[in-house]
Protein backbone atom coordinates (compact mmCIF):
# COMPACT_ATOMS: atom_id res chain seq x y z
CA UNK A 1 7.12 36.77 -69.58
CA UNK A 2 3.85 36.39 -67.84
CA UNK A 3 4.12 32.35 -68.34
CA UNK A 4 7.82 32.44 -66.60
CA UNK A 5 6.12 34.53 -64.00
CA UNK A 6 3.40 32.30 -63.45
CA UNK A 7 6.11 29.34 -63.52
CA UNK A 8 8.22 31.02 -60.56
CA UNK A 9 5.29 31.68 -58.49
CA UNK A 10 3.76 28.48 -58.63
CA UNK A 11 7.18 26.95 -57.82
CA UNK A 12 7.63 29.03 -55.23
CA UNK A 13 4.37 28.04 -53.69
CA UNK A 14 4.98 24.21 -54.10
CA UNK A 15 7.96 24.89 -52.10
CA UNK A 16 6.23 27.17 -49.65
CA UNK A 17 3.54 24.51 -49.04
CA UNK A 18 5.98 21.42 -49.07
CA UNK A 19 8.04 23.52 -45.98
CA UNK A 20 4.47 24.38 -44.22
CA UNK A 21 3.64 20.35 -44.48
CA UNK A 22 7.36 19.43 -43.39
CA UNK A 23 6.88 21.94 -40.06
CA UNK A 24 3.65 20.73 -39.50
CA UNK A 25 4.41 16.98 -39.84
CA UNK A 26 7.69 17.92 -37.27
CA UNK A 27 5.42 19.70 -34.84
CA UNK A 28 3.03 16.58 -34.67
CA UNK A 29 6.04 14.46 -34.20
CA UNK A 30 7.17 17.02 -31.54
CA UNK A 31 3.70 16.68 -29.76
CA UNK A 32 3.54 13.09 -29.70
CA UNK A 33 7.20 12.86 -28.25
CA UNK A 34 6.24 15.21 -25.30
CA UNK A 35 3.06 13.12 -24.51
CA UNK A 36 4.82 9.83 -24.47
CA UNK A 37 7.16 11.52 -22.22
CA UNK A 38 4.61 12.93 -20.08
CA UNK A 39 3.34 9.14 -20.17
CA UNK A 40 6.49 7.76 -19.09
CA UNK A 41 7.27 10.04 -16.41
CA UNK A 42 3.87 9.52 -14.98
CA UNK A 43 4.41 5.61 -15.16
CA UNK A 44 8.00 6.27 -12.95
CA UNK A 45 6.10 8.46 -10.56
CA UNK A 46 3.67 5.84 -9.93
CA UNK A 47 6.24 3.04 -9.86
CA UNK A 48 8.40 5.28 -7.71
CA UNK A 49 5.24 5.47 -5.17
CA UNK A 50 4.97 2.16 -4.92
CA UNK A 51 8.44 1.57 -4.10
CA UNK A 52 8.29 4.53 -1.29
CA UNK A 53 5.09 2.57 0.30
CA UNK A 54 6.96 -0.55 0.00
CA UNK A 55 10.09 0.73 2.05
CA UNK A 56 7.48 2.49 4.12
CA UNK A 57 5.85 -0.70 5.19
CA UNK A 58 9.50 -2.43 5.34
CA UNK A 59 10.55 0.24 8.14
CA UNK A 60 7.28 0.09 10.16
CA UNK A 61 8.06 -3.80 10.26
CA UNK A 62 11.92 -3.23 11.14
CA UNK A 63 10.67 -0.53 13.77
CA UNK A 64 7.96 -3.02 15.04
CA UNK A 65 10.56 -5.83 15.51
CA UNK A 66 13.00 -3.62 17.40
CA UNK A 67 10.25 -2.68 20.03
CA UNK A 68 9.41 -6.33 20.51
CA UNK A 69 13.50 -6.86 21.24
CA UNK A 70 13.55 -4.26 23.30
CA UNK A 71 10.63 -5.38 25.59
CA UNK A 72 12.23 -8.84 25.88
CA UNK A 73 15.66 -7.45 27.08
CA UNK A 74 13.73 -5.45 29.52
CA UNK A 75 12.26 -8.88 30.75
CA UNK A 76 15.42 -10.71 30.22
CA UNK A 77 17.16 -7.75 32.50
CA UNK A 78 14.33 -8.13 35.10
CA UNK A 79 15.05 -12.08 35.11
CA UNK A 80 18.34 -11.38 36.19
CA UNK A 81 17.49 -9.75 38.72
CA UNK A 82 15.06 -12.05 40.24
CA UNK A 83 17.45 -15.68 39.56
CA UNK A 84 19.02 -17.16 42.39
CA UNK A 85 21.85 -18.79 41.00
CA UNK A 86 24.78 -17.04 39.20
CA UNK A 87 25.11 -19.58 36.68
CA UNK A 88 21.54 -19.01 35.47
CA UNK A 89 22.13 -15.18 35.77
CA UNK A 90 25.12 -15.52 33.50
CA UNK A 91 23.15 -17.11 30.78
CA UNK A 92 20.76 -14.50 30.84
CA UNK A 93 23.20 -11.82 30.79
CA UNK A 94 25.03 -13.37 27.85
CA UNK A 95 21.67 -13.60 26.10
CA UNK A 96 20.33 -10.27 26.87
CA UNK A 97 24.17 -8.94 25.80
CA UNK A 98 23.65 -10.88 22.31
CA UNK A 99 20.02 -9.36 21.85
CA UNK A 100 21.41 -6.20 22.90
CA UNK A 101 24.05 -6.59 19.88
CA UNK A 102 21.17 -7.32 17.57
CA UNK A 103 19.24 -4.53 17.89
CA UNK A 104 21.99 -2.14 17.74
CA UNK A 105 22.76 -4.08 14.23
CA UNK A 106 18.95 -3.69 13.34
CA UNK A 107 18.91 -0.36 14.13
CA UNK A 108 22.05 0.29 11.76
CA UNK A 109 20.08 -1.72 8.87
CA UNK A 110 16.74 0.92 9.28
CA UNK A 111 18.96 3.52 9.40
CA UNK A 112 20.59 2.76 5.71
CA UNK A 113 16.54 1.60 4.66
CA UNK A 114 15.93 5.15 5.80
CA UNK A 115 18.74 6.81 3.95
CA UNK A 116 17.92 4.44 1.15
CA UNK A 117 14.38 6.15 1.04
CA UNK A 118 15.81 9.49 0.77
CA UNK A 119 18.41 8.77 -2.30
CA UNK A 120 15.84 6.10 -3.46
CA UNK A 121 13.92 8.51 -5.71
CA UNK A 122 16.78 10.29 -7.69
CA UNK A 123 19.04 7.36 -7.95
CA UNK A 124 16.90 4.80 -9.19
CA UNK A 125 15.22 6.73 -11.65
CA UNK A 126 18.69 7.76 -13.01
CA UNK A 127 19.57 4.26 -13.07
CA UNK A 128 16.68 3.82 -14.97
CA UNK A 129 17.22 6.29 -17.47
CA UNK A 130 20.89 5.45 -17.56
CA UNK A 131 20.46 1.61 -17.72
CA UNK A 132 16.80 0.73 -18.50
CA UNK A 133 17.46 -3.15 -18.78
CA UNK A 134 18.30 -3.22 -14.66
CA UNK A 135 15.14 -4.91 -13.04
CA UNK A 136 13.98 -3.02 -10.22
CA UNK A 137 15.54 -5.66 -8.05
CA UNK A 138 18.79 -5.15 -9.53
CA UNK A 139 18.48 -1.13 -8.94
CA UNK A 140 17.30 -1.95 -5.07
CA UNK A 141 20.95 -3.71 -4.89
CA UNK A 142 22.51 -0.95 -6.77
CA UNK A 143 21.14 1.82 -4.33
CA UNK A 144 22.14 -0.24 -1.44
CA UNK A 145 25.82 -0.67 -2.67
CA UNK A 146 25.74 3.33 -3.23
CA UNK A 147 24.90 3.23 0.73
CA UNK A 148 28.47 1.48 1.10
CA UNK A 149 26.65 -1.42 2.68
CA UNK A 150 28.63 -4.63 3.02
CA UNK A 151 27.56 -7.84 1.28
CA UNK A 152 26.60 -9.55 4.66
CA UNK A 153 24.15 -6.71 5.44
CA UNK A 154 22.80 -6.43 1.86
CA UNK A 155 22.12 -10.01 2.66
CA UNK A 156 20.05 -9.36 5.92
CA UNK A 157 17.83 -6.48 4.14
CA UNK A 158 17.17 -8.22 1.16
CA UNK A 159 16.72 -11.89 2.69
CA UNK A 160 18.85 -13.07 0.16
CA UNK A 161 21.90 -15.49 0.07
CA UNK A 162 25.90 -14.76 -0.55
CA UNK A 163 25.44 -16.80 -3.87
CA UNK A 164 22.15 -14.70 -5.01
CA UNK A 165 24.10 -11.41 -4.05
CA UNK A 166 26.75 -12.35 -5.99
CA UNK A 167 24.62 -13.58 -9.34
CA UNK A 168 22.89 -9.98 -9.00
CA UNK A 169 26.20 -8.15 -9.12
CA UNK A 170 27.34 -10.25 -12.11
CA UNK A 171 24.11 -9.74 -13.82
CA UNK A 172 24.52 -5.68 -13.00
CA UNK A 173 27.85 -5.63 -14.01
CA UNK A 174 26.90 -7.03 -17.22
CA UNK A 175 23.96 -4.69 -17.82
CA UNK A 176 25.93 -1.76 -17.38
CA UNK A 177 29.14 -2.48 -19.05
CA UNK A 178 31.10 -2.30 -16.33
CA UNK A 179 34.83 -3.64 -17.14
CA UNK A 180 35.97 -6.45 -14.48
CA UNK A 181 38.95 -4.13 -13.58
CA UNK A 182 36.49 -1.65 -12.22
CA UNK A 183 35.31 -2.29 -8.80
CA UNK A 184 31.33 -2.44 -9.08
CA UNK A 185 30.52 -0.74 -5.76
CA UNK A 186 32.76 1.97 -6.78
CA UNK A 187 31.37 2.82 -9.70
CA UNK A 188 28.31 2.75 -8.43
CA UNK A 189 28.94 5.28 -5.52
CA UNK A 190 30.16 7.70 -8.55
CA UNK A 191 27.40 7.21 -10.18
CA UNK A 192 24.84 8.11 -6.97
């Protein structure tokens, strides 16, 4: 009877030690996973800060360009006033109108870039989590699609050709496994 009680106690002790060892192992794995996630979040925050800085620099450059264009228009308008021939005045007026159109267009693009900055943080993080195989460049194009920009506007912002944009669209579609019958831009807008 004492031997069976001793055997039972030893068995319970061994089971308890195995359970304690297993729980400690699980706790250790959990702490390692938490450290890894914190490290990954830190890296993502650093990448995001770099992207935000790049966008701020781009916005600053665009604003400087707009100011320069506005100064050119003011000079042209003063030239129109001082020109003697109506033919020269008409040419200058036409050029002034074209520049004003370009400035209005670039202001719209600058506004789009500012909106990109606002949604960029959460949307790009979401894309990176859901579709880690997308490159940073492809995620930026996805962000521009989410703003409902036209292909022409994206070409202008990213300084790319139509063929390059179409190639990026194809790569995004493949990496996100979007069927051909689903419109890519609509899918991305719904994702945002």
